[in-house]
Amino acid sequence: MKVATAVTALLSSLAPAVFAANIQPEPGAGLPTEDYHYGMKVDVQKVLYRTDVSDKRGVVPVIMVFTDSQGETHKMRFLEWGGRYDG
């Protein structure tokens, strides 16, 4: 019985480390976030990450991480209509 208790305690102590290992950092973490302004010229070569707004309603903030034609990575925030409509 004591062995089962020891094994349970060991596994319980390791659980937080396992969950922490599976958490992915936010794409673009550490990059400064630029706010988009109307008329701003944006050089987007490839989108690496974009916030999913398919289940949101109304105007919501979106984060997009992308590379430009020079290969530099940028992180931009802008507003967009969510994809959910309950009409």
PDB file of N, CA and C in Angstrom:
ATOM      1  N   MET A   1       0.810  -1.191   0.000  1.00  0.00           N
ATOM      2  CA  MET A   1       0.000   0.000   0.000  1.00  0.00           C
ATOM      3  C   MET A   1       0.861   1.265   0.000  1.00  0.00           C
ATOM      4  N   LYS A   2       1.986   1.247   0.705  1.00  0.00           N
ATOM      5  CA  LYS A   2       2.858   2.411   0.760  1.00  0.00           C
ATOM      6  C   LYS A   2       3.512   2.681  -0.592  1.00  0.00           C
ATOM      7  N   VAL A   3       3.756   1.625  -1.372  1.00  0.00           N
ATOM      8  CA  VAL A   3       4.349   1.794  -2.698  1.00  0.00           C
ATOM      9  C   VAL A   3       3.377   2.548  -3.597  1.00  0.00           C
ATOM     10  N   ALA A   4       2.096   2.194  -3.550  1.00  0.00           N
ATOM     11  CA  ALA A   4       1.082   2.871  -4.362  1.00  0.00           C
ATOM     12  C   ALA A   4       0.986   4.338  -3.980  1.00  0.00           C
ATOM     13  N   THR A   5       1.078   4.634  -2.714  1.00  0.00           N
ATOM     14  CA  THR A   5       1.036   6.025  -2.254  1.00  0.00           C
ATOM     15  C   THR A   5       2.259   6.792  -2.754  1.00  0.00           C
ATOM     16  N   ALA A   6       3.417   6.155  -2.692  1.00  0.00           N
ATOM     17  CA  ALA A   6       4.647   6.804  -3.155  1.00  0.00           C
ATOM     18  C   ALA A   6       4.598   7.058  -4.658  1.00  0.00           C
ATOM     19  N   VAL A   7       4.095   6.100  -5.417  1.00  0.00           N
ATOM     20  CA  VAL A   7       3.989   6.259  -6.874  1.00  0.00           C
ATOM     21  C   VAL A   7       3.005   7.372  -7.211  1.00  0.00           C
ATOM     22  N   THR A   8       1.881   7.398  -6.512  1.00  0.00           N
ATOM     23  CA  THR A   8       0.888   8.450  -6.743  1.00  0.00           C
ATOM     24  C   THR A   8       1.473   9.822  -6.432  1.00  0.00           C
ATOM     25  N   ALA A   9       2.199   9.930  -5.344  1.00  0.00           N
ATOM     26  CA  ALA A   9       2.820  11.203  -4.985  1.00  0.00           C
ATOM     27  C   ALA A   9       3.848  11.629  -6.025  1.00  0.00           C
ATOM     28  N   LEU A  10       4.623  10.685  -6.517  1.00  0.00           N
ATOM     29  CA  LEU A  10       5.626  10.987  -7.535  1.00  0.00           C
ATOM     30  C   LEU A  10       4.972  11.477  -8.821  1.00  0.00           C
ATOM     31  N   LEU A  11       3.949  10.755  -9.276  1.00  0.00           N
ATOM     32  CA  LEU A  11       3.257  11.153 -10.506  1.00  0.00           C
ATOM     33  C   LEU A  11       2.563  12.494 -10.345  1.00  0.00           C
ATOM     34  N   SER A  12       1.988  12.743  -9.198  1.00  0.00           N
ATOM     35  CA  SER A  12       1.325  14.026  -8.950  1.00  0.00           C
ATOM     36  C   SER A  12       2.319  15.181  -8.961  1.00  0.00           C
ATOM     37  N   SER A  13       3.527  14.937  -8.470  1.00  0.00           N
ATOM     38  CA  SER A  13       4.526  16.004  -8.453  1.00  0.00           C
ATOM     39  C   SER A  13       5.060  16.299  -9.849  1.00  0.00           C
ATOM     40  N   LEU A  14       4.999  15.343 -10.760  1.00  0.00           N
ATOM     41  CA  LEU A  14       5.491  15.542 -12.122  1.00  0.00           C
ATOM     42  C   LEU A  14       4.441  16.136 -13.054  1.00  0.00           C
ATOM     43  N   ALA A  15       3.175  16.061 -12.696  1.00  0.00           N
ATOM     44  CA  ALA A  15       2.100  16.516 -13.568  1.00  0.00           C
ATOM     45  C   ALA A  15       2.248  17.973 -13.998  1.00  0.00           C
ATOM     46  N   PRO A  16       2.534  18.921 -13.101  1.00  0.00           N
ATOM     47  CA  PRO A  16       2.682  20.309 -13.558  1.00  0.00           C
ATOM     48  C   PRO A  16       3.780  20.483 -14.604  1.00  0.00           C
ATOM     49  N   ALA A  17       4.871  19.759 -14.474  1.00  0.00           N
ATOM     50  CA  ALA A  17       5.959  19.865 -15.448  1.00  0.00           C
ATOM     51  C   ALA A  17       5.526  19.356 -16.816  1.00  0.00           C
ATOM     52  N   VAL A  18       4.737  18.296 -16.844  1.00  0.00           N
ATOM     53  CA  VAL A  18       4.255  17.751 -18.109  1.00  0.00           C
ATOM     54  C   VAL A  18       3.322  18.740 -18.789  1.00  0.00           C
ATOM     55  N   PHE A  19       2.404  19.343 -18.018  1.00  0.00           N
ATOM     56  CA  PHE A  19       1.491  20.311 -18.610  1.00  0.00           C
ATOM     57  C   PHE A  19       2.240  21.548 -19.086  1.00  0.00           C
ATOM     58  N   ALA A  20       3.213  21.999 -18.350  1.00  0.00           N
ATOM     59  CA  ALA A  20       3.992  23.176 -18.745  1.00  0.00           C
ATOM     60  C   ALA A  20       4.776  22.914 -20.024  1.00  0.00           C
ATOM     61  N   ALA A  21       5.254  21.692 -20.216  1.00  0.00           N
ATOM     62  CA  ALA A  21       6.012  21.355 -21.409  1.00  0.00           C
ATOM     63  C   ALA A  21       5.150  21.388 -22.661  1.00  0.00           C
ATOM     64  N   ASN A  22       3.838  21.179 -22.517  1.00  0.00           N
ATOM     65  CA  ASN A  22       2.935  21.146 -23.660  1.00  0.00           C
ATOM     66  C   ASN A  22       2.382  22.519 -24.038  1.00  0.00           C
ATOM     67  N   ILE A  23       2.651  23.540 -23.244  1.00  0.00           N
ATOM     68  CA  ILE A  23       2.155  24.882 -23.543  1.00  0.00           C
ATOM     69  C   ILE A  23       3.069  25.515 -24.586  1.00  0.00           C
ATOM     70  N   GLN A  24       2.480  25.937 -25.692  1.00  0.00           N
ATOM     71  CA  GLN A  24       3.237  26.576 -26.758  1.00  0.00           C
ATOM     72  C   GLN A  24       3.285  28.080 -26.512  1.00  0.00           C
ATOM     73  N   PRO A  25       4.425  28.710 -26.677  1.00  0.00           N
ATOM     74  CA  PRO A  25       4.481  30.159 -26.520  1.00  0.00           C
ATOM     75  C   PRO A  25       3.695  30.828 -27.650  1.00  0.00           C
ATOM     76  N   GLU A  26       3.158  31.984 -27.358  1.00  0.00           N
ATOM     77  CA  GLU A  26       2.408  32.725 -28.381  1.00  0.00           C
ATOM     78  C   GLU A  26       3.344  33.074 -29.522  1.00  0.00           C
ATOM     79  N   PRO A  27       2.912  32.833 -30.765  1.00  0.00           N
ATOM     80  CA  PRO A  27       3.758  33.212 -31.901  1.00  0.00           C
ATOM     81  C   PRO A  27       4.062  34.714 -31.853  1.00  0.00           C
ATOM     82  N   GLY A  28       5.280  35.063 -32.073  1.00  0.00           N
ATOM     83  CA  GLY A  28       5.674  36.461 -32.046  1.00  0.00           C
ATOM     84  C   GLY A  28       5.953  36.983 -30.654  1.00  0.00           C
ATOM     85  N   ALA A  29       5.986  36.085 -29.656  1.00  0.00           N
ATOM     86  CA  ALA A  29       6.279  36.525 -28.286  1.00  0.00           C
ATOM     87  C   ALA A  29       7.636  37.216 -28.270  1.00  0.00           C
ATOM     88  N   GLY A  30       7.694  38.340 -27.629  1.00  0.00           N
ATOM     89  CA  GLY A  30       8.936  39.101 -27.566  1.00  0.00           C
ATOM     90  C   GLY A  30       9.044  40.179 -28.627  1.00  0.00           C
ATOM     91  N   LEU A  31       8.208  40.109 -29.652  1.00  0.00           N
ATOM     92  CA  LEU A  31       8.211  41.152 -30.674  1.00  0.00           C
ATOM     93  C   LEU A  31       7.347  42.325 -30.212  1.00  0.00           C
ATOM     94  N   PRO A  32       7.725  43.546 -30.537  1.00  0.00           N
ATOM     95  CA  PRO A  32       6.847  44.677 -30.222  1.00  0.00           C
ATOM     96  C   PRO A  32       5.600  44.612 -31.109  1.00  0.00           C
ATOM     97  N   THR A  33       4.458  44.955 -30.549  1.00  0.00           N
ATOM     98  CA  THR A  33       3.199  44.919 -31.295  1.00  0.00           C
ATOM     99  C   THR A  33       2.923  46.295 -31.878  1.00  0.00           C
ATOM    100  N   GLU A  34       2.781  46.348 -33.201  1.00  0.00           N
ATOM    101  CA  GLU A  34       2.427  47.587 -33.880  1.00  0.00           C
ATOM    102  C   GLU A  34       0.908  47.646 -34.011  1.00  0.00           C
ATOM    103  N   ASP A  35       0.317  48.812 -33.799  1.00  0.00           N
ATOM    104  CA  ASP A  35      -1.108  48.987 -34.038  1.00  0.00           C
ATOM    105  C   ASP A  35      -1.309  49.494 -35.459  1.00  0.00           C
ATOM    106  N   TYR A  36      -2.205  48.829 -36.193  1.00  0.00           N
ATOM    107  CA  TYR A  36      -2.499  49.252 -37.563  1.00  0.00           C
ATOM    108  C   TYR A  36      -3.336  50.524 -37.525  1.00  0.00           C
ATOM    109  N   HIS A  37      -3.019  51.445 -38.417  1.00  0.00           N
ATOM    110  CA  HIS A  37      -3.795  52.669 -38.586  1.00  0.00           C
ATOM    111  C   HIS A  37      -4.235  52.756 -40.042  1.00  0.00           C
ATOM    112  N   TYR A  38      -5.433  53.267 -40.268  1.00  0.00           N
ATOM    113  CA  TYR A  38      -5.985  53.362 -41.614  1.00  0.00           C
ATOM    114  C   TYR A  38      -4.995  54.050 -42.556  1.00  0.00           C
ATOM    115  N   GLY A  39      -4.765  53.441 -43.713  1.00  0.00           N
ATOM    116  CA  GLY A  39      -3.879  53.989 -44.721  1.00  0.00           C
ATOM    117  C   GLY A  39      -2.428  53.575 -44.562  1.00  0.00           C
ATOM    118  N   MET A  40      -2.136  52.825 -43.521  1.00  0.00           N
ATOM    119  CA  MET A  40      -0.765  52.373 -43.268  1.00  0.00           C
ATOM    120  C   MET A  40      -0.340  51.371 -44.340  1.00  0.00           C
ATOM    121  N   LYS A  41       0.858  51.505 -44.868  1.00  0.00           N
ATOM    122  CA  LYS A  41       1.394  50.552 -45.844  1.00  0.00           C
ATOM    123  C   LYS A  41       1.968  49.365 -45.084  1.00  0.00           C
ATOM    124  N   VAL A  42       1.487  48.168 -45.389  1.00  0.00           N
ATOM    125  CA  VAL A  42       1.945  46.961 -44.710  1.00  0.00           C
ATOM    126  C   VAL A  42       2.498  46.005 -45.754  1.00  0.00           C
ATOM    127  N   ASP A  43       3.735  45.579 -45.568  1.00  0.00           N
ATOM    128  CA  ASP A  43       4.415  44.661 -46.480  1.00  0.00           C
ATOM    129  C   ASP A  43       4.322  43.253 -45.892  1.00  0.00           C
ATOM    130  N   VAL A  44       3.342  42.474 -46.373  1.00  0.00           N
ATOM    131  CA  VAL A  44       3.135  41.117 -45.854  1.00  0.00           C
ATOM    132  C   VAL A  44       3.537  40.119 -46.933  1.00  0.00           C
ATOM    133  N   GLN A  45       4.581  39.362 -46.653  1.00  0.00           N
ATOM    134  CA  GLN A  45       5.015  38.310 -47.567  1.00  0.00           C
ATOM    135  C   GLN A  45       4.358  36.982 -47.191  1.00  0.00           C
ATOM    136  N   LYS A  46       4.386  36.670 -45.877  1.00  0.00           N
ATOM    137  CA  LYS A  46       3.823  35.398 -45.411  1.00  0.00           C
ATOM    138  C   LYS A  46       3.251  35.581 -44.011  1.00  0.00           C
ATOM    139  N   VAL A  47       2.020  35.132 -43.801  1.00  0.00           N
ATOM    140  CA  VAL A  47       1.392  35.189 -42.481  1.00  0.00           C
ATOM    141  C   VAL A  47       1.795  33.941 -41.707  1.00  0.00           C
ATOM    142  N   LEU A  48       2.369  34.149 -40.514  1.00  0.00           N
ATOM    143  CA  LEU A  48       2.807  33.046 -39.663  1.00  0.00           C
ATOM    144  C   LEU A  48       1.753  32.671 -38.637  1.00  0.00           C
ATOM    145  N   TYR A  49       0.977  33.648 -38.176  1.00  0.00           N
ATOM    146  CA  TYR A  49      -0.048  33.426 -37.167  1.00  0.00           C
ATOM    147  C   TYR A  49      -1.095  34.518 -37.292  1.00  0.00           C
ATOM    148  N   ARG A  50      -2.340  34.139 -37.025  1.00  0.00           N
ATOM    149  CA  ARG A  50      -3.442  35.102 -37.035  1.00  0.00           C
ATOM    150  C   ARG A  50      -4.466  34.638 -36.019  1.00  0.00           C
ATOM    151  N   THR A  51      -4.973  35.544 -35.204  1.00  0.00           N
ATOM    152  CA  THR A  51      -5.986  35.212 -34.206  1.00  0.00           C
ATOM    153  C   THR A  51      -7.227  34.668 -34.898  1.00  0.00           C
ATOM    154  N   ASP A  52      -7.778  33.577 -34.368  1.00  0.00           N
ATOM    155  CA  ASP A  52      -9.017  33.002 -34.904  1.00  0.00           C
ATOM    156  C   ASP A  52     -10.201  33.755 -34.312  1.00  0.00           C
ATOM    157  N   VAL A  53     -10.998  34.385 -35.153  1.00  0.00           N
ATOM    158  CA  VAL A  53     -12.167  35.133 -34.694  1.00  0.00           C
ATOM    159  C   VAL A  53     -13.465  34.501 -35.183  1.00  0.00           C
ATOM    160  N   SER A  54     -13.407  33.257 -35.630  1.00  0.00           N
ATOM    161  CA  SER A  54     -14.587  32.607 -36.194  1.00  0.00           C
ATOM    162  C   SER A  54     -15.699  32.419 -35.166  1.00  0.00           C
ATOM    163  N   ASP A  55     -15.358  32.351 -33.880  1.00  0.00           N
ATOM    164  CA  ASP A  55     -16.380  32.163 -32.855  1.00  0.00           C
ATOM    165  C   ASP A  55     -16.669  33.447 -32.079  1.00  0.00           C
ATOM    166  N   LYS A  56     -16.153  34.582 -32.538  1.00  0.00           N
ATOM    167  CA  LYS A  56     -16.354  35.874 -31.876  1.00  0.00           C
ATOM    168  C   LYS A  56     -17.458  36.656 -32.568  1.00  0.00           C
ATOM    169  N   ARG A  57     -18.062  37.578 -31.831  1.00  0.00           N
ATOM    170  CA  ARG A  57     -19.140  38.391 -32.365  1.00  0.00           C
ATOM    171  C   ARG A  57     -18.777  39.863 -32.213  1.00  0.00           C
ATOM    172  N   GLY A  58     -19.084  40.664 -33.226  1.00  0.00           N
ATOM    173  CA  GLY A  58     -18.784  42.087 -33.184  1.00  0.00           C
ATOM    174  C   GLY A  58     -17.365  42.372 -33.635  1.00  0.00           C
ATOM    175  N   VAL A  59     -16.919  43.579 -33.339  1.00  0.00           N
ATOM    176  CA  VAL A  59     -15.571  43.998 -33.706  1.00  0.00           C
ATOM    177  C   VAL A  59     -14.612  43.549 -32.606  1.00  0.00           C
ATOM    178  N   VAL A  60     -13.587  42.803 -32.994  1.00  0.00           N
ATOM    179  CA  VAL A  60     -12.650  42.233 -32.024  1.00  0.00           C
ATOM    180  C   VAL A  60     -11.208  42.507 -32.447  1.00  0.00           C
ATOM    181  N   PRO A  61     -10.293  42.585 -31.480  1.00  0.00           N
ATOM    182  CA  PRO A  61      -8.884  42.769 -31.825  1.00  0.00           C
ATOM    183  C   PRO A  61      -8.279  41.480 -32.379  1.00  0.00           C
ATOM    184  N   VAL A  62      -7.420  41.630 -33.357  1.00  0.00           N
ATOM    185  CA  VAL A  62      -6.749  40.504 -34.000  1.00  0.00           C
ATOM    186  C   VAL A  62      -5.246  40.766 -33.947  1.00  0.00           C
ATOM    187  N   ILE A  63      -4.490  39.722 -33.675  1.00  0.00           N
ATOM    188  CA  ILE A  63      -3.024  39.800 -33.729  1.00  0.00           C
ATOM    189  C   ILE A  63      -2.575  38.990 -34.946  1.00  0.00           C
ATOM    190  N   MET A  64      -1.710  39.576 -35.746  1.00  0.00           N
ATOM    191  CA  MET A  64      -1.152  38.881 -36.900  1.00  0.00           C
ATOM    192  C   MET A  64       0.368  38.964 -36.806  1.00  0.00           C
ATOM    193  N   VAL A  65       1.017  37.818 -36.934  1.00  0.00           N
ATOM    194  CA  VAL A  65       2.476  37.764 -36.991  1.00  0.00           C
ATOM    195  C   VAL A  65       2.826  37.380 -38.427  1.00  0.00           C
ATOM    196  N   PHE A  66       3.714  38.145 -39.037  1.00  0.00           N
ATOM    197  CA  PHE A  66       4.016  37.921 -40.451  1.00  0.00           C
ATOM    198  C   PHE A  66       5.457  38.287 -40.758  1.00  0.00           C
ATOM    199  N   THR A  67       5.924  37.802 -41.894  1.00  0.00           N
ATOM    200  CA  THR A  67       7.229  38.224 -42.402  1.00  0.00           C
ATOM    201  C   THR A  67       7.006  39.160 -43.577  1.00  0.00           C
ATOM    202  N   ASP A  68       7.905  40.108 -43.736  1.00  0.00           N
ATOM    203  CA  ASP A  68       7.815  41.033 -44.859  1.00  0.00           C
ATOM    204  C   ASP A  68       8.710  40.550 -45.999  1.00  0.00           C
ATOM    205  N   SER A  69       8.788  41.316 -47.074  1.00  0.00           N
ATOM    206  CA  SER A  69       9.558  40.891 -48.241  1.00  0.00           C
ATOM    207  C   SER A  69      11.065  40.858 -47.967  1.00  0.00           C
ATOM    208  N   GLN A  70      11.508  41.467 -46.864  1.00  0.00           N
ATOM    209  CA  GLN A  70      12.919  41.435 -46.480  1.00  0.00           C
ATOM    210  C   GLN A  70      13.221  40.270 -45.538  1.00  0.00           C
ATOM    211  N   GLY A  71      12.180  39.497 -45.156  1.00  0.00           N
ATOM    212  CA  GLY A  71      12.366  38.359 -44.266  1.00  0.00           C
ATOM    213  C   GLY A  71      12.275  38.706 -42.784  1.00  0.00           C
ATOM    214  N   GLU A  72      11.967  39.959 -42.469  1.00  0.00           N
ATOM    215  CA  GLU A  72      11.834  40.373 -41.069  1.00  0.00           C
ATOM    216  C   GLU A  72      10.452  40.005 -40.538  1.00  0.00           C
ATOM    217  N   THR A  73      10.389  39.638 -39.261  1.00  0.00           N
ATOM    218  CA  THR A  73       9.127  39.241 -38.646  1.00  0.00           C
ATOM    219  C   THR A  73       8.520  40.428 -37.909  1.00  0.00           C
ATOM    220  N   HIS A  74       7.212  40.603 -38.061  1.00  0.00           N
ATOM    221  CA  HIS A  74       6.472  41.702 -37.437  1.00  0.00           C
ATOM    222  C   HIS A  74       5.237  41.146 -36.735  1.00  0.00           C
ATOM    223  N   LYS A  75       4.761  41.914 -35.757  1.00  0.00           N
ATOM    224  CA  LYS A  75       3.535  41.569 -35.032  1.00  0.00           C
ATOM    225  C   LYS A  75       2.636  42.794 -35.045  1.00  0.00           C
ATOM    226  N   MET A  76       1.417  42.627 -35.582  1.00  0.00           N
ATOM    227  CA  MET A  76       0.522  43.762 -35.740  1.00  0.00           C
ATOM    228  C   MET A  76      -0.841  43.465 -35.136  1.00  0.00           C
ATOM    229  N   ARG A  77      -1.436  44.511 -34.536  1.00  0.00           N
ATOM    230  CA  ARG A  77      -2.772  44.401 -33.966  1.00  0.00           C
ATOM    231  C   ARG A  77      -3.717  45.296 -34.769  1.00  0.00           C
ATOM    232  N   PHE A  78      -4.898  44.752 -35.102  1.00  0.00           N
ATOM    233  CA  PHE A  78      -5.905  45.524 -35.803  1.00  0.00           C
ATOM    234  C   PHE A  78      -7.282  45.024 -35.389  1.00  0.00           C
ATOM    235  N   LEU A  79      -8.328  45.715 -35.805  1.00  0.00           N
ATOM    236  CA  LEU A  79      -9.701  45.335 -35.480  1.00  0.00           C
ATOM    237  C   LEU A  79     -10.365  44.691 -36.681  1.00  0.00           C
ATOM    238  N   GLU A  80     -11.225  43.722 -36.400  1.00  0.00           N
ATOM    239  CA  GLU A  80     -11.904  42.985 -37.471  1.00  0.00           C
ATOM    240  C   GLU A  80     -13.253  42.503 -36.950  1.00  0.00           C
ATOM    241  N   TRP A  81     -14.208  42.324 -37.846  1.00  0.00           N
ATOM    242  CA  TRP A  81     -15.489  41.738 -37.469  1.00  0.00           C
ATOM    243  C   TRP A  81     -15.293  40.260 -37.194  1.00  0.00           C
ATOM    244  N   GLY A  82     -15.875  39.801 -36.091  1.00  0.00           N
ATOM    245  CA  GLY A  82     -15.844  38.378 -35.773  1.00  0.00           C
ATOM    246  C   GLY A  82     -16.688  37.601 -36.763  1.00  0.00           C
ATOM    247  N   GLY A  83     -16.490  36.307 -36.825  1.00  0.00           N
ATOM    248  CA  GLY A  83     -17.188  35.471 -37.796  1.00  0.00           C
ATOM    249  C   GLY A  83     -18.521  34.941 -37.328  1.00  0.00           C
ATOM    250  N   ARG A  84     -18.890  35.192 -36.069  1.00  0.00           N
ATOM    251  CA  ARG A  84     -20.123  34.638 -35.526  1.00  0.00           C
ATOM    252  C   ARG A  84     -21.274  35.623 -35.699  1.00  0.00           C
ATOM    253  N   TYR A  85     -22.382  35.115 -36.194  1.00  0.00           N
ATOM    254  CA  TYR A  85     -23.586  35.932 -36.353  1.00  0.00           C
ATOM    255  C   TYR A  85     -24.762  35.160 -35.793  1.00  0.00           C
ATOM    256  N   ASP A  86     -25.436  35.725 -34.827  1.00  0.00           N
ATOM    257  CA  ASP A  86     -26.588  35.079 -34.214  1.00  0.00           C
ATOM    258  C   ASP A  86     -27.857  35.846 -34.556  1.00  0.00           C
ATOM    259  N   GLY A  87     -28.071  36.069 -35.824  1.00  0.00           N
ATOM    260  CA  GLY A  87     -29.209  36.886 -36.221  1.00  0.00           C
ATOM    261  C   GLY A  87     -30.307  36.064 -36.698  1.00  0.00           C
TER     262      GLY A  87
END
